[in-house]
Structures are given as C-alpha cells and as structure tokens.
PDB file of N, CA and C in Angstrom:
ATOM      1  N   UNK A   1       0.915  -6.344  -3.220  1.00  0.00           N
ATOM      2  CA  UNK A   1       1.177  -5.558  -2.024  1.00  0.00           C
ATOM      3  C   UNK A   1      -0.109  -4.855  -1.628  1.00  0.00           C
ATOM      4  N   UNK A   2      -0.489  -4.943  -0.366  1.00  0.00           N
ATOM      5  CA  UNK A   2      -1.746  -4.341   0.037  1.00  0.00           C
ATOM      6  C   UNK A   2      -1.567  -3.051   0.846  1.00  0.00           C
ATOM      7  N   UNK A   3      -0.349  -2.585   0.983  1.00  0.00           N
ATOM      8  CA  UNK A   3      -0.093  -1.381   1.756  1.00  0.00           C
ATOM      9  C   UNK A   3      -0.562  -0.141   1.017  1.00  0.00           C
ATOM     10  N   UNK A   4      -1.212   0.740   1.769  1.00  0.00           N
ATOM     11  CA  UNK A   4      -1.572   2.053   1.235  1.00  0.00           C
ATOM     12  C   UNK A   4      -0.755   3.090   1.974  1.00  0.00           C
ATOM     13  N   UNK A   5      -0.138   3.978   1.203  1.00  0.00           N
ATOM     14  CA  UNK A   5       0.658   5.070   1.760  1.00  0.00           C
ATOM     15  C   UNK A   5      -0.047   6.373   1.446  1.00  0.00           C
ATOM     16  N   UNK A   6      -0.270   7.175   2.455  1.00  0.00           N
ATOM     17  CA  UNK A   6      -0.844   8.507   2.307  1.00  0.00           C
ATOM     18  C   UNK A   6       0.297   9.486   2.260  1.00  0.00           C
ATOM     19  N   UNK A   7       0.357  10.298   1.199  1.00  0.00           N
ATOM     20  CA  UNK A   7       1.436  11.280   1.088  1.00  0.00           C
ATOM     21  C   UNK A   7       0.914  12.672   1.395  1.00  0.00           C
ATOM     22  N   UNK A   8       1.648  13.343   2.235  1.00  0.00           N
ATOM     23  CA  UNK A   8       1.345  14.724   2.591  1.00  0.00           C
ATOM     24  C   UNK A   8       1.492  15.590   1.338  1.00  0.00           C
ATOM     25  N   UNK A   9       0.917  16.774   1.384  1.00  0.00           N
ATOM     26  CA  UNK A   9       0.925  17.643   0.207  1.00  0.00           C
ATOM     27  C   UNK A   9       2.314  18.113  -0.184  1.00  0.00           C
ATOM     28  N   UNK A  10       3.325  17.901   0.668  1.00  0.00           N
ATOM     29  CA  UNK A  10       4.682  18.344   0.364  1.00  0.00           C
ATOM     30  C   UNK A  10       5.528  17.274  -0.318  1.00  0.00           C
ATOM     31  N   UNK A  11       4.942  16.147  -0.670  1.00  0.00           N
ATOM     32  CA  UNK A  11       5.659  15.076  -1.354  1.00  0.00           C
ATOM     33  C   UNK A  11       5.401  15.197  -2.854  1.00  0.00           C
ATOM     34  N   UNK A  12       6.473  15.198  -3.631  1.00  0.00           N
ATOM     35  CA  UNK A  12       6.388  15.426  -5.063  1.00  0.00           C
ATOM     36  C   UNK A  12       5.635  14.311  -5.793  1.00  0.00           C
ATOM     37  N   UNK A  13       4.983  14.684  -6.884  1.00  0.00           N
ATOM     38  CA  UNK A  13       4.271  13.699  -7.708  1.00  0.00           C
ATOM     39  C   UNK A  13       5.204  12.629  -8.242  1.00  0.00           C
ATOM     40  N   UNK A  14       6.460  12.987  -8.524  1.00  0.00           N
ATOM     41  CA  UNK A  14       7.407  11.980  -9.033  1.00  0.00           C
ATOM     42  C   UNK A  14       7.645  10.886  -7.999  1.00  0.00           C
ATOM     43  N   UNK A  15       7.637  11.253  -6.709  1.00  0.00           N
ATOM     44  CA  UNK A  15       7.789  10.264  -5.659  1.00  0.00           C
ATOM     45  C   UNK A  15       6.555   9.370  -5.574  1.00  0.00           C
ATOM     46  N   UNK A  16       5.390   9.964  -5.770  1.00  0.00           N
ATOM     47  CA  UNK A  16       4.138   9.189  -5.788  1.00  0.00           C
ATOM     48  C   UNK A  16       4.193   8.145  -6.887  1.00  0.00           C
ATOM     49  N   UNK A  17       4.616   8.563  -8.061  1.00  0.00           N
ATOM     50  CA  UNK A  17       4.698   7.642  -9.193  1.00  0.00           C
ATOM     51  C   UNK A  17       5.722   6.537  -8.947  1.00  0.00           C
ATOM     52  N   UNK A  18       6.827   6.860  -8.282  1.00  0.00           N
ATOM     53  CA  UNK A  18       7.843   5.853  -7.964  1.00  0.00           C
ATOM     54  C   UNK A  18       7.269   4.789  -7.039  1.00  0.00           C
ATOM     55  N   UNK A  19       6.476   5.191  -6.067  1.00  0.00           N
ATOM     56  CA  UNK A  19       5.870   4.227  -5.154  1.00  0.00           C
ATOM     57  C   UNK A  19       4.827   3.380  -5.871  1.00  0.00           C
ATOM     58  N   UNK A  20       4.037   4.006  -6.710  1.00  0.00           N
ATOM     59  CA  UNK A  20       3.037   3.243  -7.466  1.00  0.00           C
ATOM     60  C   UNK A  20       3.688   2.248  -8.396  1.00  0.00           C
ATOM     61  N   UNK A  21       4.832   2.613  -8.963  1.00  0.00           N
ATOM     62  CA  UNK A  21       5.550   1.716  -9.866  1.00  0.00           C
ATOM     63  C   UNK A  21       6.049   0.473  -9.121  1.00  0.00           C
ATOM     64  N   UNK A  22       6.195   0.568  -7.815  1.00  0.00           N
ATOM     65  CA  UNK A  22       6.621  -0.578  -7.009  1.00  0.00           C
ATOM     66  C   UNK A  22       5.436  -1.318  -6.394  1.00  0.00           C
ATOM     67  N   UNK A  23       4.246  -0.965  -6.809  1.00  0.00           N
ATOM     68  CA  UNK A  23       3.065  -1.728  -6.391  1.00  0.00           C
ATOM     69  C   UNK A  23       2.320  -1.196  -5.183  1.00  0.00           C
ATOM     70  N   UNK A  24       2.726  -0.048  -4.655  1.00  0.00           N
ATOM     71  CA  UNK A  24       2.007   0.522  -3.524  1.00  0.00           C
ATOM     72  C   UNK A  24       0.774   1.282  -3.986  1.00  0.00           C
ATOM     73  N   UNK A  25      -0.252   1.226  -3.166  1.00  0.00           N
ATOM     74  CA  UNK A  25      -1.394   2.119  -3.371  1.00  0.00           C
ATOM     75  C   UNK A  25      -1.017   3.425  -2.685  1.00  0.00           C
ATOM     76  N   UNK A  26      -1.207   4.523  -3.385  1.00  0.00           N
ATOM     77  CA  UNK A  26      -0.818   5.812  -2.824  1.00  0.00           C
ATOM     78  C   UNK A  26      -2.015   6.747  -2.872  1.00  0.00           C
ATOM     79  N   UNK A  27      -2.310   7.329  -1.738  1.00  0.00           N
ATOM     80  CA  UNK A  27      -3.388   8.315  -1.614  1.00  0.00           C
ATOM     81  C   UNK A  27      -2.743   9.680  -1.369  1.00  0.00           C
ATOM     82  N   UNK A  28      -3.149  10.658  -2.149  1.00  0.00           N
ATOM     83  CA  UNK A  28      -2.590  12.000  -2.045  1.00  0.00           C
ATOM     84  C   UNK A  28      -3.460  12.892  -1.156  1.00  0.00           C
ATOM     85  N   UNK A  29      -2.808  13.692  -0.354  1.00  0.00           N
ATOM     86  CA  UNK A  29      -3.476  14.596   0.586  1.00  0.00           C
ATOM     87  C   UNK A  29      -4.615  15.349  -0.075  1.00  0.00           C
ATOM     88  N   UNK A  30      -4.332  16.013  -1.183  1.00  0.00           N
ATOM     89  CA  UNK A  30      -5.311  16.897  -1.780  1.00  0.00           C
ATOM     90  C   UNK A  30      -6.500  16.166  -2.412  1.00  0.00           C
ATOM     91  N   UNK A  31      -6.401  14.835  -2.552  1.00  0.00           N
ATOM     92  CA  UNK A  31      -7.540  14.060  -3.036  1.00  0.00           C
ATOM     93  C   UNK A  31      -8.554  13.787  -1.921  1.00  0.00           C
ATOM     94  N   UNK A  32      -8.153  14.034  -0.675  1.00  0.00           N
ATOM     95  CA  UNK A  32      -9.021  13.738   0.468  1.00  0.00           C
ATOM     96  C   UNK A  32      -9.308  14.931   1.361  1.00  0.00           C
ATOM     97  N   UNK A  33      -8.408  15.911   1.361  1.00  0.00           N
ATOM     98  CA  UNK A  33      -8.534  17.062   2.253  1.00  0.00           C
ATOM     99  C   UNK A  33      -8.206  18.338   1.506  1.00  0.00           C
ATOM    100  N   UNK A  34      -8.729  19.446   1.984  1.00  0.00           N
ATOM    101  CA  UNK A  34      -8.386  20.731   1.416  1.00  0.00           C
ATOM    102  C   UNK A  34      -6.937  21.072   1.678  1.00  0.00           C
ATOM    103  N   UNK A  35      -6.381  21.943   0.852  1.00  0.00           N
ATOM    104  CA  UNK A  35      -4.965  22.291   0.995  1.00  0.00           C
ATOM    105  C   UNK A  35      -4.650  22.942   2.338  1.00  0.00           C
ATOM    106  N   UNK A  36      -5.625  23.545   2.956  1.00  0.00           N
ATOM    107  CA  UNK A  36      -5.375  24.226   4.234  1.00  0.00           C
ATOM    108  C   UNK A  36      -5.847  23.402   5.444  1.00  0.00           C
ATOM    109  N   UNK A  37      -6.196  22.137   5.213  1.00  0.00           N
ATOM    110  CA  UNK A  37      -6.647  21.288   6.329  1.00  0.00           C
ATOM    111  C   UNK A  37      -5.537  21.165   7.355  1.00  0.00           C
ATOM    112  N   UNK A  38      -5.832  21.481   8.617  1.00  0.00           N
ATOM    113  CA  UNK A  38      -4.813  21.360   9.659  1.00  0.00           C
ATOM    114  C   UNK A  38      -4.380  19.901   9.837  1.00  0.00           C
ATOM    115  N   UNK A  39      -3.096  19.722  10.117  1.00  0.00           N
ATOM    116  CA  UNK A  39      -2.569  18.375  10.320  1.00  0.00           C
ATOM    117  C   UNK A  39      -3.317  17.622  11.409  1.00  0.00           C
ATOM    118  N   UNK A  40      -3.734  18.330  12.461  1.00  0.00           N
ATOM    119  CA  UNK A  40      -4.440  17.659  13.570  1.00  0.00           C
ATOM    120  C   UNK A  40      -5.789  17.096  13.136  1.00  0.00           C
ATOM    121  N   UNK A  41      -6.314  17.546  12.003  1.00  0.00           N
ATOM    122  CA  UNK A  41      -7.574  17.013  11.461  1.00  0.00           C
ATOM    123  C   UNK A  41      -7.303  15.773  10.610  1.00  0.00           C
ATOM    124  N   UNK A  42      -6.353  15.873   9.661  1.00  0.00           N
ATOM    125  CA  UNK A  42      -6.169  14.753   8.757  1.00  0.00           C
ATOM    126  C   UNK A  42      -5.324  13.623   9.316  1.00  0.00           C
ATOM    127  N   UNK A  43      -4.386  13.899  10.215  1.00  0.00           N
ATOM    128  CA  UNK A  43      -3.524  12.836  10.748  1.00  0.00           C
ATOM    129  C   UNK A  43      -4.318  11.689  11.373  1.00  0.00           C
ATOM    130  N   UNK A  44      -5.249  11.942  12.293  1.00  0.00           N
ATOM    131  CA  UNK A  44      -5.972  10.828  12.893  1.00  0.00           C
ATOM    132  C   UNK A  44      -6.878  10.102  11.894  1.00  0.00           C
ATOM    133  N   UNK A  45      -7.441  10.818  10.937  1.00  0.00           N
ATOM    134  CA  UNK A  45      -8.304  10.185   9.950  1.00  0.00           C
ATOM    135  C   UNK A  45      -7.520   9.219   9.073  1.00  0.00           C
ATOM    136  N   UNK A  46      -6.339   9.644   8.660  1.00  0.00           N
ATOM    137  CA  UNK A  46      -5.492   8.798   7.819  1.00  0.00           C
ATOM    138  C   UNK A  46      -5.026   7.568   8.611  1.00  0.00           C
ATOM    139  N   UNK A  47      -4.613   7.784   9.841  1.00  0.00           N
ATOM    140  CA  UNK A  47      -4.167   6.650  10.669  1.00  0.00           C
ATOM    141  C   UNK A  47      -5.334   5.675  10.906  1.00  0.00           C
ATOM    142  N   UNK A  48      -6.531   6.205  11.136  1.00  0.00           N
ATOM    143  CA  UNK A  48      -7.705   5.341  11.366  1.00  0.00           C
ATOM    144  C   UNK A  48      -8.010   4.489  10.136  1.00  0.00           C
ATOM    145  N   UNK A  49      -7.672   4.995   8.951  1.00  0.00           N
ATOM    146  CA  UNK A  49      -7.889   4.223   7.728  1.00  0.00           C
ATOM    147  C   UNK A  49      -6.855   3.109   7.584  1.00  0.00           C
ATOM    148  N   UNK A  50      -5.835   3.131   8.448  1.00  0.00           N
ATOM    149  CA  UNK A  50      -4.806   2.087   8.393  1.00  0.00           C
ATOM    150  C   UNK A  50      -3.705   2.377   7.387  1.00  0.00           C
ATOM    151  N   UNK A  51      -3.639   3.604   6.937  1.00  0.00           N
ATOM    152  CA  UNK A  51      -2.633   3.978   5.945  1.00  0.00           C
ATOM    153  C   UNK A  51      -1.356   4.470   6.636  1.00  0.00           C
ATOM    154  N   UNK A  52      -0.217   4.087   6.088  1.00  0.00           N
ATOM    155  CA  UNK A  52       1.047   4.662   6.532  1.00  0.00           C
ATOM    156  C   UNK A  52       1.095   6.103   6.003  1.00  0.00           C
ATOM    157  N   UNK A  53       1.841   6.952   6.678  1.00  0.00           N
ATOM    158  CA  UNK A  53       1.927   8.364   6.292  1.00  0.00           C
ATOM    159  C   UNK A  53       3.351   8.684   5.891  1.00  0.00           C
ATOM    160  N   UNK A  54       3.513   9.345   4.752  1.00  0.00           N
ATOM    161  CA  UNK A  54       4.810   9.799   4.272  1.00  0.00           C
ATOM    162  C   UNK A  54       4.775  11.310   4.158  1.00  0.00           C
ATOM    163  N   UNK A  55       5.724  11.984   4.807  1.00  0.00           N
ATOM    164  CA  UNK A  55       5.745  13.442   4.813  1.00  0.00           C
ATOM    165  C   UNK A  55       7.167  13.963   4.760  1.00  0.00           C
ATOM    166  N   UNK A  56       7.295  15.197   4.328  1.00  0.00           N
ATOM    167  CA  UNK A  56       8.561  15.922   4.414  1.00  0.00           C
ATOM    168  C   UNK A  56       8.510  16.953   5.541  1.00  0.00           C
ATOM    169  N   UNK A  57       7.414  16.979   6.250  1.00  0.00           N
ATOM    170  CA  UNK A  57       7.164  17.994   7.291  1.00  0.00           C
ATOM    171  C   UNK A  57       7.794  17.566   8.620  1.00  0.00           C
ATOM    172  N   UNK A  58       9.050  17.931   8.821  1.00  0.00           N
ATOM    173  CA  UNK A  58       9.727  17.596  10.076  1.00  0.00           C
ATOM    174  C   UNK A  58       9.181  18.398  11.250  1.00  0.00           C
ATOM    175  N   UNK A  59       8.479  19.485  10.967  1.00  0.00           N
ATOM    176  CA  UNK A  59       7.928  20.332  12.035  1.00  0.00           C
ATOM    177  C   UNK A  59       6.790  19.647  12.787  1.00  0.00           C
ATOM    178  N   UNK A  60       6.217  18.606  12.209  1.00  0.00           N
ATOM    179  CA  UNK A  60       5.129  17.890  12.890  1.00  0.00           C
ATOM    180  C   UNK A  60       5.586  17.457  14.286  1.00  0.00           C
ATOM    181  N   UNK A  61       6.825  17.016  14.394  1.00  0.00           N
ATOM    182  CA  UNK A  61       7.310  16.503  15.677  1.00  0.00           C
ATOM    183  C   UNK A  61       7.504  17.606  16.713  1.00  0.00           C
ATOM    184  N   UNK A  62       7.433  18.845  16.293  1.00  0.00           N
ATOM    185  CA  UNK A  62       7.624  19.962  17.221  1.00  0.00           C
ATOM    186  C   UNK A  62       6.302  20.586  17.670  1.00  0.00           C
ATOM    187  N   UNK A  63       5.211  20.159  17.070  1.00  0.00           N
ATOM    188  CA  UNK A  63       3.900  20.717  17.397  1.00  0.00           C
ATOM    189  C   UNK A  63       3.195  19.741  18.344  1.00  0.00           C
ATOM    190  N   UNK A  64       2.984  20.166  19.572  1.00  0.00           N
ATOM    191  CA  UNK A  64       2.418  19.263  20.591  1.00  0.00           C
ATOM    192  C   UNK A  64       1.048  18.700  20.207  1.00  0.00           C
ATOM    193  N   UNK A  65       0.194  19.514  19.581  1.00  0.00           N
ATOM    194  CA  UNK A  65      -1.115  19.008  19.167  1.00  0.00           C
ATOM    195  C   UNK A  65      -0.982  17.914  18.112  1.00  0.00           C
ATOM    196  N   UNK A  66      -0.024  18.082  17.199  1.00  0.00           N
ATOM    197  CA  UNK A  66       0.171  17.071  16.162  1.00  0.00           C
ATOM    198  C   UNK A  66       0.787  15.806  16.747  1.00  0.00           C
ATOM    199  N   UNK A  67       1.707  15.967  17.677  1.00  0.00           N
ATOM    200  CA  UNK A  67       2.297  14.803  18.348  1.00  0.00           C
ATOM    201  C   UNK A  67       1.199  14.015  19.062  1.00  0.00           C
ATOM    202  N   UNK A  68       0.322  14.719  19.763  1.00  0.00           N
ATOM    203  CA  UNK A  68      -0.779  14.041  20.471  1.00  0.00           C
ATOM    204  C   UNK A  68      -1.735  13.356  19.492  1.00  0.00           C
ATOM    205  N   UNK A  69      -2.027  14.014  18.370  1.00  0.00           N
ATOM    206  CA  UNK A  69      -2.905  13.401  17.354  1.00  0.00           C
ATOM    207  C   UNK A  69      -2.283  12.119  16.809  1.00  0.00           C
ATOM    208  N   UNK A  70      -1.005  12.145  16.534  1.00  0.00           N
ATOM    209  CA  UNK A  70      -0.314  10.956  16.024  1.00  0.00           C
ATOM    210  C   UNK A  70      -0.300   9.841  17.057  1.00  0.00           C
ATOM    211  N   UNK A  71      -0.023  10.203  18.281  1.00  0.00           N
ATOM    212  CA  UNK A  71       0.053   9.218  19.362  1.00  0.00           C
ATOM    213  C   UNK A  71      -1.300   8.547  19.585  1.00  0.00           C
ATOM    214  N   UNK A  72      -2.347   9.347  19.701  1.00  0.00           N
ATOM    215  CA  UNK A  72      -3.690   8.799  19.911  1.00  0.00           C
ATOM    216  C   UNK A  72      -4.124   7.906  18.753  1.00  0.00           C
ATOM    217  N   UNK A  73      -3.750   8.303  17.548  1.00  0.00           N
ATOM    218  CA  UNK A  73      -4.188   7.578  16.360  1.00  0.00           C
ATOM    219  C   UNK A  73      -3.364   6.316  16.105  1.00  0.00           C
ATOM    220  N   UNK A  74      -2.219   6.191  16.755  1.00  0.00           N
ATOM    221  CA  UNK A  74      -1.365   5.037  16.490  1.00  0.00           C
ATOM    222  C   UNK A  74      -0.794   5.042  15.085  1.00  0.00           C
ATOM    223  N   UNK A  75      -0.435   6.200  14.614  1.00  0.00           N
ATOM    224  CA  UNK A  75       0.028   6.357  13.230  1.00  0.00           C
ATOM    225  C   UNK A  75       1.424   5.787  13.012  1.00  0.00           C
ATOM    226  N   UNK A  76       1.643   5.321  11.786  1.00  0.00           N
ATOM    227  CA  UNK A  76       2.978   4.924  11.335  1.00  0.00           C
ATOM    228  C   UNK A  76       3.416   5.999  10.340  1.00  0.00           C
ATOM    229  N   UNK A  77       4.425   6.741  10.731  1.00  0.00           N
ATOM    230  CA  UNK A  77       4.839   7.914   9.960  1.00  0.00           C
ATOM    231  C   UNK A  77       6.275   7.732   9.484  1.00  0.00           C
ATOM    232  N   UNK A  78       6.475   8.002   8.217  1.00  0.00           N
ATOM    233  CA  UNK A  78       7.792   7.954   7.610  1.00  0.00           C
ATOM    234  C   UNK A  78       8.133   9.360   7.131  1.00  0.00           C
ATOM    235  N   UNK A  79       9.300   9.844   7.535  1.00  0.00           N
ATOM    236  CA  UNK A  79       9.674  11.223   7.239  1.00  0.00           C
ATOM    237  C   UNK A  79      10.845  11.255   6.270  1.00  0.00           C
ATOM    238  N   UNK A  80      10.709  12.029   5.218  1.00  0.00           N
ATOM    239  CA  UNK A  80      11.793  12.253   4.272  1.00  0.00           C
ATOM    240  C   UNK A  80      12.654  13.360   4.853  1.00  0.00           C
ATOM    241  N   UNK A  81      13.937  13.095   5.067  1.00  0.00           N
ATOM    242  CA  UNK A  81      14.763  14.051   5.786  1.00  0.00           C
ATOM    243  C   UNK A  81      15.900  14.645   4.967  1.00  0.00           C
ATOM    244  N   UNK A  82      15.978  14.389   3.689  1.00  0.00           N
ATOM    245  CA  UNK A  82      17.057  14.941   2.890  1.00  0.00           C
ATOM    246  C   UNK A  82      17.015  16.457   2.821  1.00  0.00           C
ATOM    247  N   UNK A  83      18.154  17.063   3.018  1.00  0.00           N
ATOM    248  CA  UNK A  83      18.226  18.524   2.996  1.00  0.00           C
ATOM    249  C   UNK A  83      18.483  18.992   1.561  1.00  0.00           C
ATOM    250  N   UNK A  84      17.670  19.914   1.088  1.00  0.00           N
ATOM    251  CA  UNK A  84      17.806  20.474  -0.260  1.00  0.00           C
ATOM    252  C   UNK A  84      17.762  19.413  -1.350  1.00  0.00           C
ATOM    253  N   UNK A  85      16.970  18.389  -1.160  1.00  0.00           N
ATOM    254  CA  UNK A  85      16.863  17.345  -2.162  1.00  0.00           C
ATOM    255  C   UNK A  85      16.028  17.814  -3.344  1.00  0.00           C
ATOM    256  N   UNK A  86      16.455  17.401  -4.514  1.00  0.00           N
ATOM    257  CA  UNK A  86      15.659  17.638  -5.714  1.00  0.00           C
ATOM    258  C   UNK A  86      14.558  16.571  -5.759  1.00  0.00           C
ATOM    259  N   UNK A  87      13.616  16.739  -6.676  1.00  0.00           N
ATOM    260  CA  UNK A  87      12.583  15.726  -6.855  1.00  0.00           C
ATOM    261  C   UNK A  87      13.179  14.384  -7.201  1.00  0.00           C
ATOM    262  N   UNK A  88      14.237  14.382  -8.011  1.00  0.00           N
ATOM    263  CA  UNK A  88      14.883  13.122  -8.415  1.00  0.00           C
ATOM    264  C   UNK A  88      15.486  12.408  -7.216  1.00  0.00           C
ATOM    265  N   UNK A  89      16.190  13.133  -6.351  1.00  0.00           N
ATOM    266  CA  UNK A  89      16.795  12.507  -5.177  1.00  0.00           C
ATOM    267  C   UNK A  89      15.734  11.977  -4.214  1.00  0.00           C
ATOM    268  N   UNK A  90      14.674  12.742  -4.035  1.00  0.00           N
ATOM    269  CA  UNK A  90      13.581  12.275  -3.194  1.00  0.00           C
ATOM    270  C   UNK A  90      12.949  11.014  -3.754  1.00  0.00           C
ATOM    271  N   UNK A  91      12.688  11.007  -5.059  1.00  0.00           N
ATOM    272  CA  UNK A  91      12.095   9.856  -5.713  1.00  0.00           C
ATOM    273  C   UNK A  91      12.998   8.611  -5.551  1.00  0.00           C
ATOM    274  N   UNK A  92      14.305   8.789  -5.750  1.00  0.00           N
ATOM    275  CA  UNK A  92      15.234   7.664  -5.614  1.00  0.00           C
ATOM    276  C   UNK A  92      15.282   7.140  -4.188  1.00  0.00           C
ATOM    277  N   UNK A  93      15.311   8.039  -3.215  1.00  0.00           N
ATOM    278  CA  UNK A  93      15.364   7.625  -1.805  1.00  0.00           C
ATOM    279  C   UNK A  93      14.106   6.855  -1.425  1.00  0.00           C
ATOM    280  N   UNK A  94      12.967   7.352  -1.866  1.00  0.00           N
ATOM    281  CA  UNK A  94      11.708   6.670  -1.558  1.00  0.00           C
ATOM    282  C   UNK A  94      11.657   5.316  -2.251  1.00  0.00           C
ATOM    283  N   UNK A  95      12.084   5.291  -3.509  1.00  0.00           N
ATOM    284  CA  UNK A  95      12.107   4.034  -4.240  1.00  0.00           C
ATOM    285  C   UNK A  95      12.931   2.967  -3.534  1.00  0.00           C
ATOM    286  N   UNK A  96      14.078   3.361  -3.020  1.00  0.00           N
ATOM    287  CA  UNK A  96      14.937   2.429  -2.281  1.00  0.00           C
ATOM    288  C   UNK A  96      14.322   2.013  -0.953  1.00  0.00           C
ATOM    289  N   UNK A  97      13.554   2.906  -0.364  1.00  0.00           N
ATOM    290  CA  UNK A  97      13.000   2.655   0.968  1.00  0.00           C
ATOM    291  C   UNK A  97      11.707   1.842   0.949  1.00  0.00           C
ATOM    292  N   UNK A  98      11.067   1.684  -0.199  1.00  0.00           N
ATOM    293  CA  UNK A  98       9.768   1.004  -0.256  1.00  0.00           C
ATOM    294  C   UNK A  98       9.796  -0.380   0.389  1.00  0.00           C
ATOM    295  N   UNK A  99      10.765  -1.241   0.081  1.00  0.00           N
ATOM    296  CA  UNK A  99      10.751  -2.557   0.746  1.00  0.00           C
ATOM    297  C   UNK A  99      10.842  -2.450   2.275  1.00  0.00           C
ATOM    298  N   UNK A 100      11.609  -1.517   2.755  1.00  0.00           N
ATOM    299  CA  UNK A 100      11.747  -1.314   4.202  1.00  0.00           C
ATOM    300  C   UNK A 100      10.436  -0.807   4.807  1.00  0.00           C
ATOM    301  N   UNK A 101       9.804   0.121   4.125  1.00  0.00           N
ATOM    302  CA  UNK A 101       8.518   0.663   4.590  1.00  0.00           C
ATOM    303  C   UNK A 101       7.493  -0.454   4.694  1.00  0.00           C
ATOM    304  N   UNK A 102       7.398  -1.273   3.645  1.00  0.00           N
ATOM    305  CA  UNK A 102       6.438  -2.373   3.620  1.00  0.00           C
ATOM    306  C   UNK A 102       6.692  -3.325   4.784  1.00  0.00           C
ATOM    307  N   UNK A 103       7.951  -3.676   4.996  1.00  0.00           N
ATOM    308  CA  UNK A 103       8.294  -4.600   6.081  1.00  0.00           C
ATOM    309  C   UNK A 103       7.951  -3.996   7.449  1.00  0.00           C
ATOM    310  N   UNK A 104       8.306  -2.748   7.672  1.00  0.00           N
ATOM    311  CA  UNK A 104       8.051  -2.127   8.960  1.00  0.00           C
ATOM    312  C   UNK A 104       6.564  -1.997   9.266  1.00  0.00           C
ATOM    313  N   UNK A 105       5.794  -1.632   8.261  1.00  0.00           N
ATOM    314  CA  UNK A 105       4.356  -1.496   8.478  1.00  0.00           C
ATOM    315  C   UNK A 105       3.737  -2.859   8.805  1.00  0.00           C
ATOM    316  N   UNK A 106       4.231  -3.892   8.164  1.00  0.00           N
ATOM    317  CA  UNK A 106       3.669  -5.237   8.374  1.00  0.00           C
ATOM    318  C   UNK A 106       4.119  -5.879   9.678  1.00  0.00           C
ATOM    319  N   UNK A 107       5.277  -5.486  10.198  1.00  0.00           N
ATOM    320  CA  UNK A 107       5.852  -6.238  11.316  1.00  0.00           C
ATOM    321  C   UNK A 107       5.992  -5.445  12.616  1.00  0.00           C
ATOM    322  N   UNK A 108       5.649  -4.186  12.611  1.00  0.00           N
ATOM    323  CA  UNK A 108       5.801  -3.409  13.846  1.00  0.00           C
ATOM    324  C   UNK A 108       4.472  -2.825  14.287  1.00  0.00           C
ATOM    325  N   UNK A 109       4.379  -2.591  15.560  1.00  0.00           N
ATOM    326  CA  UNK A 109       3.196  -1.922  16.111  1.00  0.00           C
ATOM    327  C   UNK A 109       3.217  -0.474  15.668  1.00  0.00           C
ATOM    328  N   UNK A 110       2.075   0.180  15.739  1.00  0.00           N
ATOM    329  CA  UNK A 110       2.068   1.612  15.401  1.00  0.00           C
ATOM    330  C   UNK A 110       3.176   2.356  16.142  1.00  0.00           C
ATOM    331  N   UNK A 111       3.822   3.229  15.433  1.00  0.00           N
ATOM    332  CA  UNK A 111       4.949   3.961  15.991  1.00  0.00           C
ATOM    333  C   UNK A 111       4.453   5.256  16.606  1.00  0.00           C
ATOM    334  N   UNK A 112       4.946   5.533  17.781  1.00  0.00           N
ATOM    335  CA  UNK A 112       4.624   6.788  18.434  1.00  0.00           C
ATOM    336  C   UNK A 112       5.607   7.846  17.977  1.00  0.00           C
ATOM    337  N   UNK A 113       5.068   8.989  17.624  1.00  0.00           N
ATOM    338  CA  UNK A 113       5.927  10.075  17.168  1.00  0.00           C
ATOM    339  C   UNK A 113       6.885  10.442  18.273  1.00  0.00           C
ATOM    340  N   UNK A 114       8.133  10.737  18.039  1.00  0.00           N
ATOM    341  CA  UNK A 114       8.802  10.969  16.772  1.00  0.00           C
ATOM    342  C   UNK A 114       9.577   9.776  16.273  1.00  0.00           C
ATOM    343  N   UNK A 115       9.189   8.563  16.627  1.00  0.00           N
ATOM    344  CA  UNK A 115       9.930   7.393  16.155  1.00  0.00           C
ATOM    345  C   UNK A 115       9.533   7.066  14.724  1.00  0.00           C
ATOM    346  N   UNK A 116       9.886   7.962  13.837  1.00  0.00           N
ATOM    347  CA  UNK A 116       9.598   7.762  12.424  1.00  0.00           C
ATOM    348  C   UNK A 116      10.843   7.189  11.767  1.00  0.00           C
ATOM    349  N   UNK A 117      10.708   6.796  10.543  1.00  0.00           N
ATOM    350  CA  UNK A 117      11.812   6.245   9.796  1.00  0.00           C
ATOM    351  C   UNK A 117      12.328   7.309   8.836  1.00  0.00           C
ATOM    352  N   UNK A 118      13.559   7.691   9.019  1.00  0.00           N
ATOM    353  CA  UNK A 118      14.157   8.666   8.126  1.00  0.00           C
ATOM    354  C   UNK A 118      14.604   7.940   6.866  1.00  0.00           C
ATOM    355  N   UNK A 119      14.235   8.456   5.725  1.00  0.00           N
ATOM    356  CA  UNK A 119      14.585   7.803   4.482  1.00  0.00           C
ATOM    357  C   UNK A 119      15.965   8.214   3.986  1.00  0.00           C
ATOM    358  N   UNK A 120      16.504   9.275   4.527  1.00  0.00           N
ATOM    359  CA  UNK A 120      17.813   9.754   4.093  1.00  0.00           C
ATOM    360  C   UNK A 120      18.900   8.817   4.599  1.00  0.00           C
ATOM    361  N   UNK A 121      19.964   8.714   3.826  1.00  0.00           N
ATOM    362  CA  UNK A 121      21.088   7.879   4.246  1.00  0.00           C
ATOM    363  C   UNK A 121      22.161   8.725   4.852  1.00  0.00           C
TER     364      UNK A 121
END
C-alpha cells in the first residue's frame, strides 16, 4: 500500500499503530510541525505532499480560513466523528475504515471541505 495518512495531533497513538498494522504509512503532526502550528499553515503543506489527512477536529469546517486552505490545497480529509469515544473505539473504527480510506483516496478527486468521510457508524 502506498498511501500516506497524516494524523492531526488529536488522533491517539493507538489509532496510528492500528493504521500502520494495516500497511499504511502514517505521518504524525508533531513530527513535522510544532504543537501550536496553525491549521492554515500545515493543511496546505500536507495536502501538497499528497497525503490524506485524518483528524478529530470537526471545528475545521467552521473556520473560513481553514476551509479556504483545504479547498485551495485540494485536500482529502477524513474526520473521526464518534462522540466520547475511547482510544479503543477510535482505533477500531479507524481499523475498519482503512480499506475504504484507501479506495477513496485512490479513486476520487480531491474532496472539497466539508465533504469528508465520517468514520463513525
């Protein structure tokens, strides 16, 4: 699998390990950007690298600057939407969603925000 997924700083390490166990390359936010890096800075850089983005930050869709950054960058964003999920539930949901994420990234044009894929069932 050649897909690289960039995980926002709000995604648990257990979810990162679940994706890696399924063969995905995973890049963590803090390995590339400072913890206080504004989303409008890192979003276009990550999209330009061709990486899919996984986040729990539903507020991104409410911030006009972030929406514009995603739109201009042609980002593919996947949002974890489970309410009050534990790390285990998040890990399981992501694990189940990996085949779908891989297929969507390979077969669809960049998604304009807020057309993200909710991983919650």
